[in-house]
Amino acid sequence: MRSPSLLAVLAVASLGIAACTQAEQEQTEVRADAAGDQAEVAASQAGQELKEGAAAAGEVIESGAMKAAQAVETGAGNVADRLEAEQAEAAAQGRPGAVDPATDERQ
């Protein structure tokens, strides 16, 4: 239970103790039950909102990780393209140790 709701239930219950007649006590019990039901509904709604917020936070983190992975992939692709071009040039010049990307053969 949330603290404000618990305080409401306690306040209603304390009124029940001070009630003089049986009818007043019964009315106080009904109010206490209603306050308890309202507190339960509020707690349930708060729990659902927390669950939805956590799910949204997870999606934000996952999308950020996805974008980072895509950036790494793009960067790695650019580096691979540059290295392949340099190796093709080195192989065409006949430099020892160079690998021709078209044939995958070392010079």
PDB file of N, CA and C in Angstrom:
ATOM      1  N   MET A   1       0.833  -1.177   0.000  1.00  0.00           N
ATOM      2  CA  MET A   1       0.000   0.000   0.000  1.00  0.00           C
ATOM      3  C   MET A   1       0.876   1.238   0.000  1.00  0.00           C
ATOM      4  N   ARG A   2       0.400   2.285  -0.608  1.00  0.00           N
ATOM      5  CA  ARG A   2       1.120   3.544  -0.627  1.00  0.00           C
ATOM      6  C   ARG A   2       0.877   4.264   0.704  1.00  0.00           C
ATOM      7  N   SER A   3       1.808   5.066   1.142  1.00  0.00           N
ATOM      8  CA  SER A   3       1.717   5.742   2.433  1.00  0.00           C
ATOM      9  C   SER A   3       0.482   6.619   2.559  1.00  0.00           C
ATOM     10  N   PRO A   4       0.145   7.484   1.575  1.00  0.00           N
ATOM     11  CA  PRO A   4      -1.048   8.312   1.745  1.00  0.00           C
ATOM     12  C   PRO A   4      -2.317   7.458   1.872  1.00  0.00           C
ATOM     13  N   SER A   5      -2.386   6.381   1.135  1.00  0.00           N
ATOM     14  CA  SER A   5      -3.556   5.523   1.202  1.00  0.00           C
ATOM     15  C   SER A   5      -3.623   4.825   2.554  1.00  0.00           C
ATOM     16  N   LEU A   6      -2.488   4.401   3.064  1.00  0.00           N
ATOM     17  CA  LEU A   6      -2.431   3.763   4.372  1.00  0.00           C
ATOM     18  C   LEU A   6      -2.878   4.737   5.445  1.00  0.00           C
ATOM     19  N   LEU A   7      -2.449   5.980   5.321  1.00  0.00           N
ATOM     20  CA  LEU A   7      -2.873   6.992   6.292  1.00  0.00           C
ATOM     21  C   LEU A   7      -4.374   7.210   6.226  1.00  0.00           C
ATOM     22  N   ALA A   8      -4.941   7.180   5.038  1.00  0.00           N
ATOM     23  CA  ALA A   8      -6.389   7.346   4.904  1.00  0.00           C
ATOM     24  C   ALA A   8      -7.123   6.196   5.590  1.00  0.00           C
ATOM     25  N   VAL A   9      -6.619   4.979   5.379  1.00  0.00           N
ATOM     26  CA  VAL A   9      -7.244   3.810   6.007  1.00  0.00           C
ATOM     27  C   VAL A   9      -7.141   3.915   7.525  1.00  0.00           C
ATOM     28  N   LEU A  10      -5.982   4.318   8.023  1.00  0.00           N
ATOM     29  CA  LEU A  10      -5.803   4.455   9.468  1.00  0.00           C
ATOM     30  C   LEU A  10      -6.702   5.552  10.036  1.00  0.00           C
ATOM     31  N   ALA A  11      -6.842   6.642   9.287  1.00  0.00           N
ATOM     32  CA  ALA A  11      -7.705   7.727   9.754  1.00  0.00           C
ATOM     33  C   ALA A  11      -9.144   7.262   9.838  1.00  0.00           C
ATOM     34  N   VAL A  12      -9.604   6.539   8.838  1.00  0.00           N
ATOM     35  CA  VAL A  12     -10.974   6.032   8.845  1.00  0.00           C
ATOM     36  C   VAL A  12     -11.149   5.016   9.967  1.00  0.00           C
ATOM     37  N   ALA A  13     -10.150   4.177  10.171  1.00  0.00           N
ATOM     38  CA  ALA A  13     -10.231   3.176  11.238  1.00  0.00           C
ATOM     39  C   ALA A  13     -10.265   3.845  12.603  1.00  0.00           C
ATOM     40  N   SER A  14      -9.499   4.911  12.772  1.00  0.00           N
ATOM     41  CA  SER A  14      -9.519   5.604  14.068  1.00  0.00           C
ATOM     42  C   SER A  14     -10.863   6.263  14.313  1.00  0.00           C
ATOM     43  N   LEU A  15     -11.526   6.678  13.260  1.00  0.00           N
ATOM     44  CA  LEU A  15     -12.883   7.215  13.411  1.00  0.00           C
ATOM     45  C   LEU A  15     -13.823   6.122  13.899  1.00  0.00           C
ATOM     46  N   GLY A  16     -13.601   4.914  13.461  1.00  0.00           N
ATOM     47  CA  GLY A  16     -14.425   3.779  13.871  1.00  0.00           C
ATOM     48  C   GLY A  16     -14.314   3.521  15.359  1.00  0.00           C
ATOM     49  N   ILE A  17     -13.135   3.703  15.897  1.00  0.00           N
ATOM     50  CA  ILE A  17     -12.933   3.499  17.327  1.00  0.00           C
ATOM     51  C   ILE A  17     -13.736   4.534  18.121  1.00  0.00           C
ATOM     52  N   ALA A  18     -13.805   5.756  17.591  1.00  0.00           N
ATOM     53  CA  ALA A  18     -14.500   6.835  18.291  1.00  0.00           C
ATOM     54  C   ALA A  18     -16.014   6.803  18.057  1.00  0.00           C
ATOM     55  N   ALA A  19     -16.484   5.985  17.121  1.00  0.00           N
ATOM     56  CA  ALA A  19     -17.921   5.947  16.827  1.00  0.00           C
ATOM     57  C   ALA A  19     -18.686   5.435  18.039  1.00  0.00           C
ATOM     58  N   CYS A  20     -19.824   6.065  18.288  1.00  0.00           N
ATOM     59  CA  CYS A  20     -20.588   5.739  19.497  1.00  0.00           C
ATOM     60  C   CYS A  20     -21.606   4.637  19.263  1.00  0.00           C
ATOM     61  N   THR A  21     -22.290   4.652  18.168  1.00  0.00           N
ATOM     62  CA  THR A  21     -23.370   3.694  17.957  1.00  0.00           C
ATOM     63  C   THR A  21     -22.923   2.578  17.032  1.00  0.00           C
ATOM     64  N   GLN A  22     -23.640   1.495  17.021  1.00  0.00           N
ATOM     65  CA  GLN A  22     -23.368   0.360  16.136  1.00  0.00           C
ATOM     66  C   GLN A  22     -23.478   0.799  14.670  1.00  0.00           C
ATOM     67  N   ALA A  23     -24.460   1.608  14.375  1.00  0.00           N
ATOM     68  CA  ALA A  23     -24.648   2.083  12.997  1.00  0.00           C
ATOM     69  C   ALA A  23     -23.453   2.913  12.552  1.00  0.00           C
ATOM     70  N   GLU A  24     -22.955   3.755  13.436  1.00  0.00           N
ATOM     71  CA  GLU A  24     -21.782   4.568  13.106  1.00  0.00           C
ATOM     72  C   GLU A  24     -20.552   3.674  12.899  1.00  0.00           C
ATOM     73  N   GLN A  25     -20.423   2.639  13.709  1.00  0.00           N
ATOM     74  CA  GLN A  25     -19.292   1.719  13.554  1.00  0.00           C
ATOM     75  C   GLN A  25     -19.375   0.975  12.223  1.00  0.00           C
ATOM     76  N   GLU A  26     -20.589   0.541  11.860  1.00  0.00           N
ATOM     77  CA  GLU A  26     -20.769  -0.171  10.597  1.00  0.00           C
ATOM     78  C   GLU A  26     -20.470   0.744   9.410  1.00  0.00           C
ATOM     79  N   GLN A  27     -20.936   1.988   9.506  1.00  0.00           N
ATOM     80  CA  GLN A  27     -20.681   2.952   8.439  1.00  0.00           C
ATOM     81  C   GLN A  27     -19.174   3.214   8.317  1.00  0.00           C
ATOM     82  N   THR A  28     -18.512   3.290   9.441  1.00  0.00           N
ATOM     83  CA  THR A  28     -17.063   3.505   9.449  1.00  0.00           C
ATOM     84  C   THR A  28     -16.334   2.309   8.830  1.00  0.00           C
ATOM     85  N   GLU A  29     -16.798   1.097   9.120  1.00  0.00           N
ATOM     86  CA  GLU A  29     -16.201  -0.104   8.532  1.00  0.00           C
ATOM     87  C   GLU A  29     -16.363  -0.108   7.019  1.00  0.00           C
ATOM     88  N   VAL A  30     -17.538   0.308   6.544  1.00  0.00           N
ATOM     89  CA  VAL A  30     -17.778   0.380   5.098  1.00  0.00           C
ATOM     90  C   VAL A  30     -16.818   1.381   4.471  1.00  0.00           C
ATOM     91  N   ARG A  31     -16.654   2.527   5.116  1.00  0.00           N
ATOM     92  CA  ARG A  31     -15.722   3.545   4.603  1.00  0.00           C
ATOM     93  C   ARG A  31     -14.281   3.028   4.609  1.00  0.00           C
ATOM     94  N   ALA A  32     -13.915   2.310   5.651  1.00  0.00           N
ATOM     95  CA  ALA A  32     -12.562   1.750   5.733  1.00  0.00           C
ATOM     96  C   ALA A  32     -12.336   0.722   4.628  1.00  0.00           C
ATOM     97  N   ASP A  33     -13.352  -0.107   4.370  1.00  0.00           N
ATOM     98  CA  ASP A  33     -13.246  -1.082   3.281  1.00  0.00           C
ATOM     99  C   ASP A  33     -13.095  -0.382   1.939  1.00  0.00           C
ATOM    100  N   ALA A  34     -13.895   0.672   1.731  1.00  0.00           N
ATOM    101  CA  ALA A  34     -13.821   1.429   0.474  1.00  0.00           C
ATOM    102  C   ALA A  34     -12.449   2.079   0.327  1.00  0.00           C
ATOM    103  N   ALA A  35     -11.930   2.636   1.416  1.00  0.00           N
ATOM    104  CA  ALA A  35     -10.596   3.249   1.373  1.00  0.00           C
ATOM    105  C   ALA A  35      -9.534   2.201   1.064  1.00  0.00           C
ATOM    106  N   GLY A  36      -9.693   1.023   1.642  1.00  0.00           N
ATOM    107  CA  GLY A  36      -8.755  -0.065   1.359  1.00  0.00           C
ATOM    108  C   GLY A  36      -8.816  -0.492  -0.093  1.00  0.00           C
ATOM    109  N   ASP A  37     -10.036  -0.568  -0.638  1.00  0.00           N
ATOM    110  CA  ASP A  37     -10.195  -0.924  -2.051  1.00  0.00           C
ATOM    111  C   ASP A  37      -9.561   0.127  -2.952  1.00  0.00           C
ATOM    112  N   GLN A  38      -9.763   1.396  -2.619  1.00  0.00           N
ATOM    113  CA  GLN A  38      -9.172   2.477  -3.407  1.00  0.00           C
ATOM    114  C   GLN A  38      -7.653   2.429  -3.335  1.00  0.00           C
ATOM    115  N   ALA A  39      -7.127   2.118  -2.169  1.00  0.00           N
ATOM    116  CA  ALA A  39      -5.676   2.016  -2.009  1.00  0.00           C
ATOM    117  C   ALA A  39      -5.133   0.861  -2.844  1.00  0.00           C
ATOM    118  N   GLU A  40      -5.861  -0.241  -2.880  1.00  0.00           N
ATOM    119  CA  GLU A  40      -5.433  -1.396  -3.668  1.00  0.00           C
ATOM    120  C   GLU A  40      -5.424  -1.062  -5.162  1.00  0.00           C
ATOM    121  N   VAL A  41      -6.464  -0.370  -5.613  1.00  0.00           N
ATOM    122  CA  VAL A  41      -6.538   0.031  -7.027  1.00  0.00           C
ATOM    123  C   VAL A  41      -5.392   0.979  -7.357  1.00  0.00           C
ATOM    124  N   ALA A  42      -5.132   1.943  -6.475  1.00  0.00           N
ATOM    125  CA  ALA A  42      -4.049   2.901  -6.709  1.00  0.00           C
ATOM    126  C   ALA A  42      -2.700   2.193  -6.769  1.00  0.00           C
ATOM    127  N   ALA A  43      -2.478   1.241  -5.886  1.00  0.00           N
ATOM    128  CA  ALA A  43      -1.219   0.486  -5.881  1.00  0.00           C
ATOM    129  C   ALA A  43      -1.083  -0.328  -7.157  1.00  0.00           C
ATOM    130  N   SER A  44      -2.167  -0.913  -7.604  1.00  0.00           N
ATOM    131  CA  SER A  44      -2.142  -1.700  -8.835  1.00  0.00           C
ATOM    132  C   SER A  44      -1.818  -0.821 -10.039  1.00  0.00           C
ATOM    133  N   GLN A  45      -2.448   0.351 -10.092  1.00  0.00           N
ATOM    134  CA  GLN A  45      -2.190   1.272 -11.193  1.00  0.00           C
ATOM    135  C   GLN A  45      -0.746   1.761 -11.168  1.00  0.00           C
ATOM    136  N   ALA A  46      -0.243   2.064  -9.994  1.00  0.00           N
ATOM    137  CA  ALA A  46       1.147   2.513  -9.871  1.00  0.00           C
ATOM    138  C   ALA A  46       2.103   1.415 -10.322  1.00  0.00           C
ATOM    139  N   GLY A  47       1.800   0.175  -9.936  1.00  0.00           N
ATOM    140  CA  GLY A  47       2.640  -0.949 -10.364  1.00  0.00           C
ATOM    141  C   GLY A  47       2.633  -1.111 -11.870  1.00  0.00           C
ATOM    142  N   GLN A  48       1.469  -0.963 -12.490  1.00  0.00           N
ATOM    143  CA  GLN A  48       1.367  -1.085 -13.943  1.00  0.00           C
ATOM    144  C   GLN A  48       2.148   0.033 -14.631  1.00  0.00           C
ATOM    145  N   GLU A  49       2.047   1.255 -14.089  1.00  0.00           N
ATOM    146  CA  GLU A  49       2.784   2.379 -14.671  1.00  0.00           C
ATOM    147  C   GLU A  49       4.290   2.166 -14.557  1.00  0.00           C
ATOM    148  N   LEU A  50       4.735   1.625 -13.438  1.00  0.00           N
ATOM    149  CA  LEU A  50       6.159   1.327 -13.279  1.00  0.00           C
ATOM    150  C   LEU A  50       6.606   0.271 -14.281  1.00  0.00           C
ATOM    151  N   LYS A  51       5.772  -0.738 -14.465  1.00  0.00           N
ATOM    152  CA  LYS A  51       6.098  -1.809 -15.410  1.00  0.00           C
ATOM    153  C   LYS A  51       6.203  -1.255 -16.826  1.00  0.00           C
ATOM    154  N   GLU A  52       5.249  -0.405 -17.212  1.00  0.00           N
ATOM    155  CA  GLU A  52       5.276   0.191 -18.547  1.00  0.00           C
ATOM    156  C   GLU A  52       6.475   1.110 -18.718  1.00  0.00           C
ATOM    157  N   GLY A  53       6.797   1.863 -17.657  1.00  0.00           N
ATOM    158  CA  GLY A  53       7.969   2.747 -17.713  1.00  0.00           C
ATOM    159  C   GLY A  53       9.259   1.964 -17.857  1.00  0.00           C
ATOM    160  N   ALA A  54       9.363   0.851 -17.154  1.00  0.00           N
ATOM    161  CA  ALA A  54      10.562   0.009 -17.257  1.00  0.00           C
ATOM    162  C   ALA A  54      10.680  -0.585 -18.661  1.00  0.00           C
ATOM    163  N   ALA A  55       9.553  -0.992 -19.231  1.00  0.00           N
ATOM    164  CA  ALA A  55       9.577  -1.547 -20.589  1.00  0.00           C
ATOM    165  C   ALA A  55      10.025  -0.483 -21.582  1.00  0.00           C
ATOM    166  N   ALA A  56       9.523   0.735 -21.424  1.00  0.00           N
ATOM    167  CA  ALA A  56       9.922   1.820 -22.325  1.00  0.00           C
ATOM    168  C   ALA A  56      11.407   2.129 -22.173  1.00  0.00           C
ATOM    169  N   ALA A  57      11.906   2.128 -20.941  1.00  0.00           N
ATOM    170  CA  ALA A  57      13.328   2.379 -20.712  1.00  0.00           C
ATOM    171  C   ALA A  57      14.176   1.294 -21.371  1.00  0.00           C
ATOM    172  N   GLY A  58      13.707   0.053 -21.285  1.00  0.00           N
ATOM    173  CA  GLY A  58      14.427  -1.045 -21.936  1.00  0.00           C
ATOM    174  C   GLY A  58      14.494  -0.859 -23.439  1.00  0.00           C
ATOM    175  N   GLU A  59      13.409  -0.385 -24.027  1.00  0.00           N
ATOM    176  CA  GLU A  59      13.387  -0.142 -25.476  1.00  0.00           C
ATOM    177  C   GLU A  59      14.345   0.976 -25.855  1.00  0.00           C
ATOM    178  N   VAL A  60      14.418   2.013 -25.031  1.00  0.00           N
ATOM    179  CA  VAL A  60      15.331   3.129 -25.305  1.00  0.00           C
ATOM    180  C   VAL A  60      16.771   2.646 -25.258  1.00  0.00           C
ATOM    181  N   ILE A  61      17.095   1.834 -24.257  1.00  0.00           N
ATOM    182  CA  ILE A  61      18.458   1.300 -24.138  1.00  0.00           C
ATOM    183  C   ILE A  61      18.779   0.406 -25.325  1.00  0.00           C
ATOM    184  N   GLU A  62      17.834  -0.463 -25.679  1.00  0.00           N
ATOM    185  CA  GLU A  62      18.062  -1.374 -26.801  1.00  0.00           C
ATOM    186  C   GLU A  62      18.241  -0.607 -28.106  1.00  0.00           C
ATOM    187  N   SER A  63      17.439   0.426 -28.328  1.00  0.00           N
ATOM    188  CA  SER A  63      17.579   1.183 -29.576  1.00  0.00           C
ATOM    189  C   SER A  63      18.911   1.922 -29.613  1.00  0.00           C
ATOM    190  N   GLY A  64      19.367   2.406 -28.461  1.00  0.00           N
ATOM    191  CA  GLY A  64      20.676   3.049 -28.401  1.00  0.00           C
ATOM    192  C   GLY A  64      21.802   2.075 -28.724  1.00  0.00           C
ATOM    193  N   ALA A  65      21.693   0.864 -28.182  1.00  0.00           N
ATOM    194  CA  ALA A  65      22.695  -0.166 -28.471  1.00  0.00           C
ATOM    195  C   ALA A  65      22.684  -0.534 -29.946  1.00  0.00           C
ATOM    196  N   MET A  66      21.479  -0.593 -30.534  1.00  0.00           N
ATOM    197  CA  MET A  66      21.355  -0.912 -31.952  1.00  0.00           C
ATOM    198  C   MET A  66      22.056   0.160 -32.791  1.00  0.00           C
ATOM    199  N   LYS A  67      21.822   1.428 -32.466  1.00  0.00           N
ATOM    200  CA  LYS A  67      22.448   2.519 -33.223  1.00  0.00           C
ATOM    201  C   LYS A  67      23.964   2.484 -33.078  1.00  0.00           C
ATOM    202  N   ALA A  68      24.444   2.173 -31.886  1.00  0.00           N
ATOM    203  CA  ALA A  68      25.891   2.076 -31.675  1.00  0.00           C
ATOM    204  C   ALA A  68      26.473   0.939 -32.503  1.00  0.00           C
ATOM    205  N   ALA A  69      25.774  -0.210 -32.521  1.00  0.00           N
ATOM    206  CA  ALA A  69      26.250  -1.353 -33.306  1.00  0.00           C
ATOM    207  C   ALA A  69      26.253  -1.020 -34.791  1.00  0.00           C
ATOM    208  N   GLN A  70      25.236  -0.298 -35.246  1.00  0.00           N
ATOM    209  CA  GLN A  70      25.187   0.094 -36.651  1.00  0.00           C
ATOM    210  C   GLN A  70      26.338   1.032 -36.995  1.00  0.00           C
ATOM    211  N   ALA A  71      26.655   1.943 -36.081  1.00  0.00           N
ATOM    212  CA  ALA A  71      27.768   2.865 -36.309  1.00  0.00           C
ATOM    213  C   ALA A  71      29.088   2.108 -36.384  1.00  0.00           C
ATOM    214  N   VAL A  72      29.266   1.130 -35.496  1.00  0.00           N
ATOM    215  CA  VAL A  72      30.488   0.312 -35.527  1.00  0.00           C
ATOM    216  C   VAL A  72      30.560  -0.469 -36.829  1.00  0.00           C
ATOM    217  N   GLU A  73      29.424  -1.036 -37.220  1.00  0.00           N
ATOM    218  CA  GLU A  73      29.379  -1.810 -38.466  1.00  0.00           C
ATOM    219  C   GLU A  73      29.721  -0.924 -39.667  1.00  0.00           C
ATOM    220  N   THR A  74      29.167   0.263 -39.705  1.00  0.00           N
ATOM    221  CA  THR A  74      29.450   1.187 -40.806  1.00  0.00           C
ATOM    222  C   THR A  74      30.927   1.573 -40.796  1.00  0.00           C
ATOM    223  N   GLY A  75      31.433   1.895 -39.609  1.00  0.00           N
ATOM    224  CA  GLY A  75      32.846   2.260 -39.508  1.00  0.00           C
ATOM    225  C   GLY A  75      33.759   1.116 -39.923  1.00  0.00           C
ATOM    226  N   ALA A  76      33.421  -0.090 -39.484  1.00  0.00           N
ATOM    227  CA  ALA A  76      34.238  -1.253 -39.858  1.00  0.00           C
ATOM    228  C   ALA A  76      34.169  -1.494 -41.360  1.00  0.00           C
ATOM    229  N   GLY A  77      32.999  -1.287 -41.941  1.00  0.00           N
ATOM    230  CA  GLY A  77      32.857  -1.453 -43.391  1.00  0.00           C
ATOM    231  C   GLY A  77      33.706  -0.441 -44.148  1.00  0.00           C
ATOM    232  N   ASN A  78      33.736   0.793 -43.640  1.00  0.00           N
ATOM    233  CA  ASN A  78      34.553   1.824 -44.286  1.00  0.00           C
ATOM    234  C   ASN A  78      36.037   1.486 -44.191  1.00  0.00           C
ATOM    235  N   VAL A  79      36.458   1.008 -43.032  1.00  0.00           N
ATOM    236  CA  VAL A  79      37.862   0.618 -42.851  1.00  0.00           C
ATOM    237  C   VAL A  79      38.195  -0.552 -43.771  1.00  0.00           C
ATOM    238  N   ALA A  80      37.301  -1.547 -43.831  1.00  0.00           N
ATOM    239  CA  ALA A  80      37.540  -2.708 -44.693  1.00  0.00           C
ATOM    240  C   ALA A  80      37.646  -2.285 -46.159  1.00  0.00           C
ATOM    241  N   ASP A  81      36.788  -1.386 -46.593  1.00  0.00           N
ATOM    242  CA  ASP A  81      36.853  -0.896 -47.978  1.00  0.00           C
ATOM    243  C   ASP A  81      38.185  -0.202 -48.255  1.00  0.00           C
ATOM    244  N   ARG A  82      38.618   0.630 -47.316  1.00  0.00           N
ATOM    245  CA  ARG A  82      39.885   1.348 -47.492  1.00  0.00           C
ATOM    246  C   ARG A  82      41.060   0.365 -47.535  1.00  0.00           C
ATOM    247  N   LEU A  83      41.075  -0.612 -46.613  1.00  0.00           N
ATOM    248  CA  LEU A  83      42.163  -1.593 -46.588  1.00  0.00           C
ATOM    249  C   LEU A  83      42.169  -2.447 -47.849  1.00  0.00           C
ATOM    250  N   GLU A  84      40.981  -2.807 -48.318  1.00  0.00           N
ATOM    251  CA  GLU A  84      40.887  -3.604 -49.547  1.00  0.00           C
ATOM    252  C   GLU A  84      41.456  -2.822 -50.735  1.00  0.00           C
ATOM    253  N   ALA A  85      41.151  -1.543 -50.800  1.00  0.00           N
ATOM    254  CA  ALA A  85      41.668  -0.711 -51.896  1.00  0.00           C
ATOM    255  C   ALA A  85      43.188  -0.600 -51.807  1.00  0.00           C
ATOM    256  N   GLU A  86      43.706  -0.425 -50.583  1.00  0.00           N
ATOM    257  CA  GLU A  86      45.163  -0.330 -50.405  1.00  0.00           C
ATOM    258  C   GLU A  86      45.841  -1.649 -50.774  1.00  0.00           C
ATOM    259  N   GLN A  87      45.222  -2.786 -50.402  1.00  0.00           N
ATOM    260  CA  GLN A  87      45.806  -4.090 -50.736  1.00  0.00           C
ATOM    261  C   GLN A  87      45.752  -4.345 -52.247  1.00  0.00           C
ATOM    262  N   ALA A  88      44.679  -3.921 -52.882  1.00  0.00           N
ATOM    263  CA  ALA A  88      44.574  -4.081 -54.339  1.00  0.00           C
ATOM    264  C   ALA A  88      45.673  -3.284 -55.033  1.00  0.00           C
ATOM    265  N   GLU A  89      45.910  -2.076 -54.550  1.00  0.00           N
ATOM    266  CA  GLU A  89      46.963  -1.235 -55.129  1.00  0.00           C
ATOM    267  C   GLU A  89      48.339  -1.859 -54.895  1.00  0.00           C
ATOM    268  N   ALA A  90      48.561  -2.345 -53.663  1.00  0.00           N
ATOM    269  CA  ALA A  90      49.859  -2.957 -53.338  1.00  0.00           C
ATOM    270  C   ALA A  90      50.078  -4.224 -54.161  1.00  0.00           C
ATOM    271  N   ALA A  91      49.030  -5.021 -54.339  1.00  0.00           N
ATOM    272  CA  ALA A  91      49.149  -6.246 -55.131  1.00  0.00           C
ATOM    273  C   ALA A  91      49.415  -5.903 -56.591  1.00  0.00           C
ATOM    274  N   ALA A  92      48.769  -4.858 -57.105  1.00  0.00           N
ATOM    275  CA  ALA A  92      48.980  -4.442 -58.493  1.00  0.00           C
ATOM    276  C   ALA A  92      50.410  -3.962 -58.701  1.00  0.00           C
ATOM    277  N   GLN A  93      51.006  -3.381 -57.661  1.00  0.00           N
ATOM    278  CA  GLN A  93      52.398  -2.930 -57.752  1.00  0.00           C
ATOM    279  C   GLN A  93      53.380  -4.073 -57.495  1.00  0.00           C
ATOM    280  N   GLY A  94      52.845  -5.234 -57.097  1.00  0.00           N
ATOM    281  CA  GLY A  94      53.695  -6.387 -56.857  1.00  0.00           C
ATOM    282  C   GLY A  94      54.453  -6.327 -55.547  1.00  0.00           C
ATOM    283  N   ARG A  95      53.980  -5.579 -54.585  1.00  0.00           N
ATOM    284  CA  ARG A  95      54.674  -5.479 -53.306  1.00  0.00           C
ATOM    285  C   ARG A  95      54.543  -6.793 -52.548  1.00  0.00           C
ATOM    286  N   PRO A  96      55.645  -7.300 -51.981  1.00  0.00           N
ATOM    287  CA  PRO A  96      55.609  -8.560 -51.247  1.00  0.00           C
ATOM    288  C   PRO A  96      54.688  -8.482 -50.019  1.00  0.00           C
ATOM    289  N   GLY A  97      53.927  -9.538 -49.791  1.00  0.00           N
ATOM    290  CA  GLY A  97      53.039  -9.634 -48.636  1.00  0.00           C
ATOM    291  C   GLY A  97      51.636  -9.103 -48.900  1.00  0.00           C
ATOM    292  N   ALA A  98      51.449  -8.375 -49.987  1.00  0.00           N
ATOM    293  CA  ALA A  98      50.126  -7.835 -50.308  1.00  0.00           C
ATOM    294  C   ALA A  98      49.221  -8.968 -50.774  1.00  0.00           C
ATOM    295  N   VAL A  99      47.922  -8.828 -50.484  1.00  0.00           N
ATOM    296  CA  VAL A  99      46.936  -9.821 -50.900  1.00  0.00           C
ATOM    297  C   VAL A  99      46.009  -9.161 -51.918  1.00  0.00           C
ATOM    298  N   ASP A 100      45.904  -9.792 -53.080  1.00  0.00           N
ATOM    299  CA  ASP A 100      44.986  -9.290 -54.115  1.00  0.00           C
ATOM    300  C   ASP A 100      43.559  -9.639 -53.683  1.00  0.00           C
ATOM    301  N   PRO A 101      42.703  -8.637 -53.394  1.00  0.00           N
ATOM    302  CA  PRO A 101      41.347  -8.904 -52.929  1.00  0.00           C
ATOM    303  C   PRO A 101      40.509  -9.683 -53.956  1.00  0.00           C
ATOM    304  N   ALA A 102      40.822  -9.556 -55.239  1.00  0.00           N
ATOM    305  CA  ALA A 102      40.030 -10.235 -56.269  1.00  0.00           C
ATOM    306  C   ALA A 102      40.302 -11.736 -56.268  1.00  0.00           C
ATOM    307  N   THR A 103      41.546 -12.134 -55.968  1.00  0.00           N
ATOM    308  CA  THR A 103      41.903 -13.549 -56.007  1.00  0.00           C
ATOM    309  C   THR A 103      42.192 -14.127 -54.629  1.00  0.00           C
ATOM    310  N   ASP A 104      42.371 -13.281 -53.662  1.00  0.00           N
ATOM    311  CA  ASP A 104      42.697 -13.654 -52.294  1.00  0.00           C
ATOM    312  C   ASP A 104      44.052 -14.369 -52.232  1.00  0.00           C
ATOM    313  N   GLU A 105      44.950 -14.023 -53.165  1.00  0.00           N
ATOM    314  CA  GLU A 105      46.294 -14.623 -53.195  1.00  0.00           C
ATOM    315  C   GLU A 105      47.322 -13.616 -52.742  1.00  0.00           C
ATOM    316  N   ARG A 106      48.269 -14.116 -51.927  1.00  0.00           N
ATOM    317  CA  ARG A 106      49.351 -13.265 -51.406  1.00  0.00           C
ATOM    318  C   ARG A 106      50.455 -13.171 -52.451  1.00  0.00           C
ATOM    319  N   GLN A 107      51.064 -11.997 -52.532  1.00  0.00           N
ATOM    320  CA  GLN A 107      52.181 -11.739 -53.478  1.00  0.00           C
ATOM    321  C   GLN A 107      53.478 -12.286 -52.934  1.00  0.00           C
TER     322      GLN A 107
END
